[in-house]
C-alpha atoms as a PDB file:
ATOM      1  CA  MET A   1     -57.528  64.956   3.236  1.00  0.00           C
ATOM      2  CA  ASN A   2     -58.463  66.273  -0.311  1.00  0.00           C
ATOM      3  CA  SER A   3     -54.857  66.940  -1.041  1.00  0.00           C
ATOM      4  CA  ARG A   4     -53.683  63.473  -0.176  1.00  0.00           C
ATOM      5  CA  ARG A   5     -56.533  61.942  -2.218  1.00  0.00           C
ATOM      6  CA  LYS A   6     -55.405  63.965  -5.237  1.00  0.00           C
ATOM      7  CA  PHE A   7     -51.818  63.282  -4.715  1.00  0.00           C
ATOM      8  CA  LEU A   8     -52.561  59.370  -4.504  1.00  0.00           C
ATOM      9  CA  LYS A   9     -54.957  59.554  -7.498  1.00  0.00           C
ATOM     10  CA  LEU A  10     -52.376  61.364  -9.538  1.00  0.00           C
ATOM     11  CA  ALA A  11     -49.647  58.883  -8.534  1.00  0.00           C
ATOM     12  CA  GLY A  12     -51.891  55.987  -9.342  1.00  0.00           C
ATOM     13  CA  THR A  13     -52.816  57.485 -12.762  1.00  0.00           C
ATOM     14  CA  GLY A  14     -49.273  57.979 -13.520  1.00  0.00           C
ATOM     15  CA  VAL A  15     -48.519  54.248 -12.890  1.00  0.00           C
ATOM     16  CA  LEU A  16     -51.518  53.179 -14.913  1.00  0.00           C
ATOM     17  CA  ALA A  17     -50.515  55.376 -17.837  1.00  0.00           C
ATOM     18  CA  ALA A  18     -46.984  54.046 -17.732  1.00  0.00           C
ATOM     19  CA  GLY A  19     -48.167  50.520 -17.923  1.00  0.00           C
ATOM     20  CA  ALA A  20     -50.468  51.198 -20.826  1.00  0.00           C
ATOM     21  CA  THR A  21     -47.888  52.842 -22.845  1.00  0.00           C
ATOM     22  CA  SER A  22     -44.420  52.214 -21.900  1.00  0.00           C
ATOM     23  CA  LEU A  23     -42.275  52.993 -18.766  1.00  0.00           C
ATOM     24  CA  HIS A  24     -39.662  53.970 -21.306  1.00  0.00           C
ATOM     25  CA  ALA A  25     -41.801  56.382 -23.211  1.00  0.00           C
ATOM     26  CA  LEU A  26     -40.005  59.382 -21.704  1.00  0.00           C
ATOM     27  CA  THR A  27     -36.319  59.483 -21.685  1.00  0.00           C
ATOM     28  CA  GLY A  28     -34.308  60.271 -18.606  1.00  0.00           C
ATOM     29  CA  MET A  29     -33.452  63.611 -20.140  1.00  0.00           C
ATOM     30  CA  GLN A  30     -37.142  64.590 -20.764  1.00  0.00           C
ATOM     31  CA  ALA A  31     -38.175  63.470 -17.287  1.00  0.00           C
ATOM     32  CA  ALA A  32     -35.460  65.475 -15.678  1.00  0.00           C
ATOM     33  CA  ALA A  33     -36.444  68.437 -17.760  1.00  0.00           C
ATOM     34  CA  GLU A  34     -39.968  68.244 -16.554  1.00  0.00           C
ATOM     35  CA  LYS A  35     -39.263  67.580 -12.981  1.00  0.00           C
ATOM     36  CA  GLU A  36     -39.518  70.542 -10.600  1.00  0.00           C
ATOM     37  CA  VAL A  37     -36.414  71.467  -8.638  1.00  0.00           C
ATOM     38  CA  ASN A  38     -36.681  71.532  -4.764  1.00  0.00           C
ATOM     39  CA  THR A  39     -34.151  74.004  -3.217  1.00  0.00           C
ATOM     40  CA  PHE A  40     -35.125  73.080   0.395  1.00  0.00           C
ATOM     41  CA  ASN A  41     -34.332  70.119   2.617  1.00  0.00           C
ATOM     42  CA  ILE A  42     -36.163  67.861   5.010  1.00  0.00           C
ATOM     43  CA  GLY A  43     -35.404  68.017   8.742  1.00  0.00           C
ATOM     44  CA  MET A  44     -36.784  67.094  12.140  1.00  0.00           C
ATOM     45  CA  ALA A  45     -37.943  69.585  14.935  1.00  0.00           C
ATOM     46  CA  GLY A  46     -36.402  68.422  18.188  1.00  0.00           C
ATOM     47  CA  PHE A  47     -39.717  68.837  20.110  1.00  0.00           C
ATOM     48  CA  THR A  48     -40.872  65.781  18.295  1.00  0.00           C
ATOM     49  CA  PHE A  49     -38.401  63.764  20.338  1.00  0.00           C
ATOM     50  CA  MET A  50     -39.146  65.111  23.856  1.00  0.00           C
ATOM     51  CA  GLU A  51     -39.561  61.704  25.272  1.00  0.00           C
ATOM     52  CA  PHE A  52     -36.337  60.199  23.839  1.00  0.00           C
ATOM     53  CA  THR A  53     -32.641  60.134  24.544  1.00  0.00           C
ATOM     54  CA  VAL A  54     -29.994  61.357  22.111  1.00  0.00           C
ATOM     55  CA  GLU A  55     -29.168  57.957  21.139  1.00  0.00           C
ATOM     56  CA  LYS A  56     -32.723  56.980  20.471  1.00  0.00           C
ATOM     57  CA  ILE A  57     -33.207  60.096  18.328  1.00  0.00           C
ATOM     58  CA  ILE A  58     -30.316  59.061  16.183  1.00  0.00           C
ATOM     59  CA  GLU A  59     -31.722  55.632  15.788  1.00  0.00           C
ATOM     60  CA  MET A  60     -35.054  56.938  14.636  1.00  0.00           C
ATOM     61  CA  MET A  61     -33.525  59.587  12.256  1.00  0.00           C
ATOM     62  CA  LYS A  62     -31.510  56.921  10.644  1.00  0.00           C
ATOM     63  CA  ARG A  63     -34.544  54.747  10.021  1.00  0.00           C
ATOM     64  CA  ILE A  64     -36.411  57.564   8.316  1.00  0.00           C
ATOM     65  CA  GLY A  65     -33.291  58.784   6.356  1.00  0.00           C
ATOM     66  CA  VAL A  66     -33.458  62.424   7.635  1.00  0.00           C
ATOM     67  CA  ARG A  67     -30.231  64.080   8.311  1.00  0.00           C
ATOM     68  CA  ASN A  68     -31.091  67.568   9.490  1.00  0.00           C
ATOM     69  CA  LEU A  69     -32.228  68.408  12.981  1.00  0.00           C
ATOM     70  CA  SER A  70     -33.372  71.504  14.857  1.00  0.00           C
ATOM     71  CA  LEU A  71     -32.113  70.434  18.411  1.00  0.00           C
ATOM     72  CA  LYS A  72     -34.259  71.322  21.434  1.00  0.00           C
ATOM     73  CA  ASP A  73     -32.881  72.041  24.881  1.00  0.00           C
ATOM     74  CA  PHE A  74     -34.434  68.752  26.251  1.00  0.00           C
ATOM     75  CA  HIS A  75     -31.326  67.071  24.795  1.00  0.00           C
ATOM     76  CA  MET A  76     -28.839  69.768  25.220  1.00  0.00           C
ATOM     77  CA  PRO A  77     -29.756  72.038  28.142  1.00  0.00           C
ATOM     78  CA  LEU A  78     -29.423  75.763  27.847  1.00  0.00           C
ATOM     79  CA  ASN A  79     -27.069  75.912  30.835  1.00  0.00           C
ATOM     80  CA  SER A  80     -24.655  73.387  29.380  1.00  0.00           C
ATOM     81  CA  THR A  81     -21.007  73.934  29.443  1.00  0.00           C
ATOM     82  CA  GLN A  82     -18.829  74.070  26.185  1.00  0.00           C
ATOM     83  CA  GLU A  83     -17.735  70.533  27.023  1.00  0.00           C
ATOM     84  CA  GLN A  84     -21.160  69.151  27.551  1.00  0.00           C
ATOM     85  CA  ILE A  85     -22.423  70.871  24.277  1.00  0.00           C
ATOM     86  CA  SER A  86     -19.453  69.334  22.371  1.00  0.00           C
ATOM     87  CA  SER A  87     -20.151  65.965  23.619  1.00  0.00           C
ATOM     88  CA  VAL A  88     -23.763  66.027  22.420  1.00  0.00           C
ATOM     89  CA  LEU A  89     -22.893  67.438  19.057  1.00  0.00           C
ATOM     90  CA  GLU A  90     -20.152  64.933  18.454  1.00  0.00           C
ATOM     91  CA  LYS A  91     -22.720  62.069  18.801  1.00  0.00           C
ATOM     92  CA  PHE A  92     -24.789  63.609  16.094  1.00  0.00           C
ATOM     93  CA  LYS A  93     -21.944  64.353  13.934  1.00  0.00           C
ATOM     94  CA  LEU A  94     -20.584  60.708  14.154  1.00  0.00           C
ATOM     95  CA  ALA A  95     -24.086  59.720  13.028  1.00  0.00           C
ATOM     96  CA  GLY A  96     -24.062  61.944  10.086  1.00  0.00           C
ATOM     97  CA  ILE A  97     -26.790  64.241  11.513  1.00  0.00           C
ATOM     98  CA  ASN A  98     -26.528  67.993  10.860  1.00  0.00           C
ATOM     99  CA  ILE A  99     -27.591  70.206  13.776  1.00  0.00           C
ATOM    100  CA  TYR A 100     -28.736  73.147  11.633  1.00  0.00           C
ATOM    101  CA  THR A 101     -30.246  75.162  14.300  1.00  0.00           C
ATOM    102  CA  VAL A 102     -31.388  75.200  17.958  1.00  0.00           C
ATOM    103  CA  GLY A 103     -34.754  76.009  19.545  1.00  0.00           C
ATOM    104  CA  VAL A 104     -37.535  76.886  20.098  1.00  0.00           C
ATOM    105  CA  ILE A 105     -35.858  78.892  22.787  1.00  0.00           C
ATOM    106  CA  TYR A 106     -38.186  81.101  24.807  1.00  0.00           C
ATOM    107  CA  MET A 107     -36.817  84.518  26.056  1.00  0.00           C
ATOM    108  CA  LYS A 108     -38.543  86.353  28.825  1.00  0.00           C
ATOM    109  CA  THR A 109     -35.582  88.269  30.190  1.00  0.00           C
ATOM    110  CA  ARG A 110     -32.387  89.999  28.969  1.00  0.00           C
ATOM    111  CA  ASP A 111     -30.397  87.313  30.770  1.00  0.00           C
ATOM    112  CA  SER A 112     -32.341  84.617  28.960  1.00  0.00           C
ATOM    113  CA  VAL A 113     -31.377  86.394  25.631  1.00  0.00           C
ATOM    114  CA  ASP A 114     -27.788  86.441  26.631  1.00  0.00           C
ATOM    115  CA  GLN A 115     -27.902  82.723  27.426  1.00  0.00           C
ATOM    116  CA  ALA A 116     -29.608  81.824  24.119  1.00  0.00           C
ATOM    117  CA  PHE A 117     -27.024  83.629  22.145  1.00  0.00           C
ATOM    118  CA  GLU A 118     -23.980  82.237  24.021  1.00  0.00           C
ATOM    119  CA  TYR A 119     -25.661  78.705  23.714  1.00  0.00           C
ATOM    120  CA  ALA A 120     -25.936  79.079  19.842  1.00  0.00           C
ATOM    121  CA  LYS A 121     -22.370  80.279  19.600  1.00  0.00           C
ATOM    122  CA  MET A 122     -21.105  77.275  21.635  1.00  0.00           C
ATOM    123  CA  ALA A 123     -23.175  74.992  19.415  1.00  0.00           C
ATOM    124  CA  GLY A 124     -21.607  76.527  16.331  1.00  0.00           C
ATOM    125  CA  VAL A 125     -25.045  77.150  14.599  1.00  0.00           C
ATOM    126  CA  ASN A 126     -25.711  80.287  12.732  1.00  0.00           C
ATOM    127  CA  MET A 127     -29.415  80.510  13.502  1.00  0.00           C
ATOM    128  CA  ILE A 128     -31.653  80.365  16.656  1.00  0.00           C
ATOM    129  CA  VAL A 129     -35.329  79.418  16.423  1.00  0.00           C
ATOM    130  CA  GLY A 130     -36.716  81.543  19.244  1.00  0.00           C
ATOM    131  CA  ALA A 131     -39.708  83.403  20.894  1.00  0.00           C
ATOM    132  CA  PRO A 132     -38.463  86.487  22.656  1.00  0.00           C
ATOM    133  CA  ASN A 133     -40.973  88.533  24.449  1.00  0.00           C
ATOM    134  CA  TYR A 134     -41.948  91.598  22.378  1.00  0.00           C
ATOM    135  CA  GLU A 135     -40.333  94.091  24.646  1.00  0.00           C
ATOM    136  CA  LEU A 136     -37.129  92.200  24.210  1.00  0.00           C
ATOM    137  CA  LEU A 137     -36.804  92.690  20.476  1.00  0.00           C
ATOM    138  CA  PRO A 138     -34.620  95.786  20.410  1.00  0.00           C
ATOM    139  CA  TYR A 139     -32.164  93.954  22.733  1.00  0.00           C
ATOM    140  CA  VAL A 140     -32.269  90.828  20.465  1.00  0.00           C
ATOM    141  CA  GLU A 141     -31.366  93.012  17.506  1.00  0.00           C
ATOM    142  CA  LYS A 142     -28.341  94.244  19.329  1.00  0.00           C
ATOM    143  CA  LYS A 143     -27.206  90.704  19.931  1.00  0.00           C
ATOM    144  CA  ILE A 144     -27.947  89.731  16.357  1.00  0.00           C
ATOM    145  CA  LYS A 145     -25.628  92.428  15.189  1.00  0.00           C
ATOM    146  CA  SER A 146     -22.965  91.502  17.823  1.00  0.00           C
ATOM    147  CA  TYR A 147     -23.041  87.762  17.161  1.00  0.00           C
ATOM    148  CA  ASP A 148     -23.997  87.864  13.480  1.00  0.00           C
ATOM    149  CA  LEU A 149     -26.595  85.140  13.928  1.00  0.00           C
ATOM    150  CA  LYS A 150     -30.113  84.885  12.465  1.00  0.00           C
ATOM    151  CA  MET A 151     -33.239  84.465  14.675  1.00  0.00           C
ATOM    152  CA  ALA A 152     -36.295  82.777  13.354  1.00  0.00           C
ATOM    153  CA  ILE A 153     -39.267  83.638  15.419  1.00  0.00           C
ATOM    154  CA  HIS A 154     -41.759  80.809  15.760  1.00  0.00           C
ATOM    155  CA  ASN A 155     -45.477  81.332  15.656  1.00  0.00           C
ATOM    156  CA  HIS A 156     -47.571  79.551  17.984  1.00  0.00           C
ATOM    157  CA  GLY A 157     -51.163  79.910  16.747  1.00  0.00           C
ATOM    158  CA  PRO A 158     -54.241  80.789  18.829  1.00  0.00           C
ATOM    159  CA  ASP A 159     -52.921  79.054  21.986  1.00  0.00           C
ATOM    160  CA  ASN A 160     -50.347  81.732  22.705  1.00  0.00           C
ATOM    161  CA  PRO A 161     -50.883  85.596  22.347  1.00  0.00           C
ATOM    162  CA  LEU A 162     -47.183  85.752  21.736  1.00  0.00           C
ATOM    163  CA  TYR A 163     -46.612  85.565  17.967  1.00  0.00           C
ATOM    164  CA  PRO A 164     -49.815  83.753  17.019  1.00  0.00           C
ATOM    165  CA  ASN A 165     -49.124  83.995  13.476  1.00  0.00           C
ATOM    166  CA  ALA A 166     -46.630  85.232  10.759  1.00  0.00           C
ATOM    167  CA  THR A 167     -48.336  88.496  10.146  1.00  0.00           C
ATOM    168  CA  ASP A 168     -47.932  89.281  14.009  1.00  0.00           C
ATOM    169  CA  ILE A 169     -44.191  88.444  13.708  1.00  0.00           C
ATOM    170  CA  TRP A 170     -43.710  90.490  10.595  1.00  0.00           C
ATOM    171  CA  ASN A 171     -45.381  93.537  12.105  1.00  0.00           C
ATOM    172  CA  HIS A 172     -42.965  93.330  15.009  1.00  0.00           C
ATOM    173  CA  ILE A 173     -39.742  92.612  13.023  1.00  0.00           C
ATOM    174  CA  LYS A 174     -40.243  94.430   9.651  1.00  0.00           C
ATOM    175  CA  GLU A 175     -38.240  97.504  10.947  1.00  0.00           C
ATOM    176  CA  LEU A 176     -35.512  95.542  12.625  1.00  0.00           C
ATOM    177  CA  ASP A 177     -32.313  93.888  11.297  1.00  0.00           C
ATOM    178  CA  SER A 178     -33.167  91.576   8.292  1.00  0.00           C
ATOM    179  CA  ARG A 179     -31.396  88.706  10.181  1.00  0.00           C
ATOM    180  CA  ILE A 180     -34.449  88.543  12.396  1.00  0.00           C
ATOM    181  CA  GLY A 181     -37.017  86.392  10.505  1.00  0.00           C
ATOM    182  CA  ILE A 182     -39.665  83.900  10.825  1.00  0.00           C
ATOM    183  CA  CYS A 183     -39.935  80.183  11.354  1.00  0.00           C
ATOM    184  CA  ILE A 184     -43.356  79.472  10.102  1.00  0.00           C
ATOM    185  CA  ASP A 185     -45.277  76.567  11.726  1.00  0.00           C
ATOM    186  CA  ILE A 186     -47.776  75.610   9.047  1.00  0.00           C
ATOM    187  CA  GLY A 187     -49.947  73.686  11.536  1.00  0.00           C
ATOM    188  CA  HIS A 188     -50.273  76.446  13.991  1.00  0.00           C
ATOM    189  CA  THR A 189     -50.756  78.855  11.133  1.00  0.00           C
ATOM    190  CA  THR A 190     -53.727  76.793   9.982  1.00  0.00           C
ATOM    191  CA  ARG A 191     -55.278  76.528  13.321  1.00  0.00           C
ATOM    192  CA  ASP A 192     -55.100  80.311  13.551  1.00  0.00           C
ATOM    193  CA  GLY A 193     -57.333  80.500  10.604  1.00  0.00           C
ATOM    194  CA  GLN A 194     -54.503  81.492   8.160  1.00  0.00           C
ATOM    195  CA  ASP A 195     -53.285  79.959   4.866  1.00  0.00           C
ATOM    196  CA  PRO A 196     -49.604  78.930   5.290  1.00  0.00           C
ATOM    197  CA  SER A 197     -48.996  79.158   1.566  1.00  0.00           C
ATOM    198  CA  VAL A 198     -50.253  82.752   1.433  1.00  0.00           C
ATOM    199  CA  ASP A 199     -48.126  83.740   4.530  1.00  0.00           C
ATOM    200  CA  ILE A 200     -44.950  82.030   3.034  1.00  0.00           C
ATOM    201  CA  LEU A 201     -45.399  83.994  -0.279  1.00  0.00           C
ATOM    202  CA  LYS A 202     -46.162  87.230   1.512  1.00  0.00           C
ATOM    203  CA  TYR A 203     -43.219  87.015   3.953  1.00  0.00           C
ATOM    204  CA  LYS A 204     -40.808  85.268   1.657  1.00  0.00           C
ATOM    205  CA  SER A 205     -37.907  87.618   2.290  1.00  0.00           C
ATOM    206  CA  ARG A 206     -37.830  86.786   5.976  1.00  0.00           C
ATOM    207  CA  ILE A 207     -38.760  82.968   6.087  1.00  0.00           C
ATOM    208  CA  TYR A 208     -35.811  81.254   7.628  1.00  0.00           C
ATOM    209  CA  ASP A 209     -37.191  78.080   8.812  1.00  0.00           C
ATOM    210  CA  ILE A 210     -40.395  76.043   8.390  1.00  0.00           C
ATOM    211  CA  HIS A 211     -42.050  73.470  10.776  1.00  0.00           C
ATOM    212  CA  ILE A 212     -44.266  71.063   8.729  1.00  0.00           C
ATOM    213  CA  LYS A 213     -47.176  69.093  10.089  1.00  0.00           C
ATOM    214  CA  ASP A 214     -50.795  68.377   9.263  1.00  0.00           C
ATOM    215  CA  VAL A 215     -53.876  69.117  11.384  1.00  0.00           C
ATOM    216  CA  ASP A 216     -57.326  67.868  11.478  1.00  0.00           C
ATOM    217  CA  LYS A 217     -59.095  71.163  12.039  1.00  0.00           C
ATOM    218  CA  ALA A 218     -58.609  74.892  11.122  1.00  0.00           C
ATOM    219  CA  THR A 219     -59.486  75.813  14.764  1.00  0.00           C
ATOM    220  CA  LYS A 220     -57.838  76.314  17.976  1.00  0.00           C
ATOM    221  CA  ASP A 221     -58.680  72.666  18.976  1.00  0.00           C
ATOM    222  CA  GLY A 222     -57.137  71.274  15.784  1.00  0.00           C
ATOM    223  CA  LYS A 223     -54.715  68.349  16.469  1.00  0.00           C
ATOM    224  CA  THR A 224     -51.599  67.261  14.822  1.00  0.00           C
ATOM    225  CA  ILE A 225     -52.208  64.311  12.444  1.00  0.00           C
ATOM    226  CA  GLU A 226     -50.060  62.355   9.895  1.00  0.00           C
ATOM    227  CA  MET A 227     -49.282  64.534   6.960  1.00  0.00           C
ATOM    228  CA  GLY A 228     -51.734  64.065   4.054  1.00  0.00           C
ATOM    229  CA  ARG A 229     -54.534  62.845   6.400  1.00  0.00           C
ATOM    230  CA  GLY A 230     -55.377  66.393   7.549  1.00  0.00           C
ATOM    231  CA  ILE A 231     -56.692  69.591   5.991  1.00  0.00           C
ATOM    232  CA  ILE A 232     -53.434  71.430   4.959  1.00  0.00           C
ATOM    233  CA  ASN A 233     -52.795  71.669   1.241  1.00  0.00           C
ATOM    234  CA  ILE A 234     -49.324  70.167   1.387  1.00  0.00           C
ATOM    235  CA  PRO A 235     -48.869  70.164  -2.400  1.00  0.00           C
ATOM    236  CA  LYS A 236     -49.686  73.850  -2.489  1.00  0.00           C
ATOM    237  CA  VAL A 237     -47.223  74.541   0.307  1.00  0.00           C
ATOM    238  CA  VAL A 238     -44.422  72.710  -1.658  1.00  0.00           C
ATOM    239  CA  GLY A 239     -45.390  74.640  -4.862  1.00  0.00           C
ATOM    240  CA  THR A 240     -45.139  77.891  -2.851  1.00  0.00           C
ATOM    241  CA  LEU A 241     -41.671  76.865  -1.515  1.00  0.00           C
ATOM    242  CA  ARG A 242     -40.520  76.141  -4.985  1.00  0.00           C
ATOM    243  CA  LYS A 243     -41.978  79.341  -6.294  1.00  0.00           C
ATOM    244  CA  ILE A 244     -39.948  81.574  -3.744  1.00  0.00           C
ATOM    245  CA  LYS A 245     -36.867  79.284  -4.022  1.00  0.00           C
ATOM    246  CA  TYR A 246     -36.737  78.612  -0.342  1.00  0.00           C
ATOM    247  CA  SER A 247     -33.475  77.181   0.543  1.00  0.00           C
ATOM    248  CA  GLY A 248     -33.869  76.199   4.124  1.00  0.00           C
ATOM    249  CA  CYS A 249     -35.198  73.281   5.954  1.00  0.00           C
ATOM    250  CA  CYS A 250     -38.685  71.846   6.308  1.00  0.00           C
ATOM    251  CA  SER A 251     -38.670  70.215   9.627  1.00  0.00           C
ATOM    252  CA  LEU A 252     -41.417  67.914  10.711  1.00  0.00           C
ATOM    253  CA  GLU A 253     -42.681  68.610  14.211  1.00  0.00           C
ATOM    254  CA  PHE A 254     -44.896  65.657  14.961  1.00  0.00           C
ATOM    255  CA  GLU A 255     -46.887  66.038  18.110  1.00  0.00           C
ATOM    256  CA  LYS A 256     -49.139  62.934  18.004  1.00  0.00           C
ATOM    257  CA  ASP A 257     -48.268  59.697  19.913  1.00  0.00           C
ATOM    258  CA  MET A 258     -45.166  61.353  21.214  1.00  0.00           C
ATOM    259  CA  LYS A 259     -44.184  58.267  23.270  1.00  0.00           C
ATOM    260  CA  ASP A 260     -44.475  56.177  19.999  1.00  0.00           C
ATOM    261  CA  PRO A 261     -44.084  58.731  17.078  1.00  0.00           C
ATOM    262  CA  LEU A 262     -42.071  56.690  14.629  1.00  0.00           C
ATOM    263  CA  PRO A 263     -44.865  55.291  12.569  1.00  0.00           C
ATOM    264  CA  GLY A 264     -46.477  58.788  12.149  1.00  0.00           C
ATOM    265  CA  ILE A 265     -43.185  60.221  11.607  1.00  0.00           C
ATOM    266  CA  ALA A 266     -42.369  57.751   8.730  1.00  0.00           C
ATOM    267  CA  GLU A 267     -45.749  58.234   7.192  1.00  0.00           C
ATOM    268  CA  SER A 268     -45.489  61.864   7.209  1.00  0.00           C
ATOM    269  CA  ILE A 269     -41.946  62.152   5.914  1.00  0.00           C
ATOM    270  CA  GLY A 270     -42.908  59.537   3.207  1.00  0.00           C
ATOM    271  CA  TYR A 271     -45.856  61.555   2.200  1.00  0.00           C
ATOM    272  CA  PHE A 272     -43.952  64.750   2.115  1.00  0.00           C
ATOM    273  CA  ARG A 273     -41.143  63.246   0.003  1.00  0.00           C
ATOM    274  CA  GLY A 274     -43.781  61.904  -2.370  1.00  0.00           C
ATOM    275  CA  VAL A 275     -45.166  65.449  -2.924  1.00  0.00           C
ATOM    276  CA  MET A 276     -41.730  66.772  -3.337  1.00  0.00           C
ATOM    277  CA  ASP A 277     -40.953  64.219  -6.059  1.00  0.00           C
ATOM    278  CA  CYS A 278     -44.181  65.220  -8.007  1.00  0.00           C
ATOM    279  CA  LYS A 279     -43.902  67.662 -10.848  1.00  0.00           C
END
C-alpha cells in the first residue's frame, strides 16, 4: 500500500509542479533523456482466465490493451491434436495476440514430460512454463537439448513443497542446462517470506518469465489483491527489472474475483503501466 501511495503522491506532485511552472518547461528531448527504458513487456497469465472461453479472453485482452499471453491448458488441452492447436492459435493470431509461452504445465511422469514438449512444439513456442517433479529434471534436461526449448520453472510459495521459491528452483537447476530457468511469481515469493526484487537480482541470469500480482499479506494466507493495494513494492520490482535489463514478459496472474476479474485486471495493469512510465 505504501508503494501505491508514494507512486500516486509523486504523480500528483508532478502534475502540480507542471501547473505551477509550465508543462512545456522540459523539452521532449530532455524528457526522453530522463525517462528510464523498459526492456520488458506486459502480458497475461492464462490461469487468470480459467472461467472463460477463448473468445471471451480475446475480448478482455483487447479491452485492456495487452497483446501477450501465456496460454493455459484450460483453453488448449495438453492432449490436443495439431489441428486443434492450430485452430486455437489462429483465433489469437487474428486478434493480434501473441502466445509467447504455454503453462504452467505440471509434470509428474516421463510421459507427461514427453507430452509437454510435443505440445509446445506443436504450438510453435520456444518456452514452457512448467513444474516438473524434482526427480524428472535430468530427463527434462535431455528433452531441452533435443527440442532446443527453454523451460521456466514456476515457484508456488508456501502452499506447495515443490519449488516454493526461486532459491529452491535455483538449487535444483544451477548445474543443469542454462535453458532451464525460472518463472518467478512475485506474489507467491512474497507469501513465502522472500523479497522478489532480491531474488530477481540474485538469479537474473536464469529469470525467463515473471508472473506479477500483489498480495495483502507476506504469509501463507496472503491473498491476491489489485496491484498497488497490497504490500509488494512494485516500483522496486520494476526498478530491479530495469537494472538487470530483463527482456521477457511480466504477465499478470490475477486470482481475485475469477468469475468477474476484468475490473481488477484493468486496475492492476493500469497501475503497473503507471509505474513503468515513471522515471
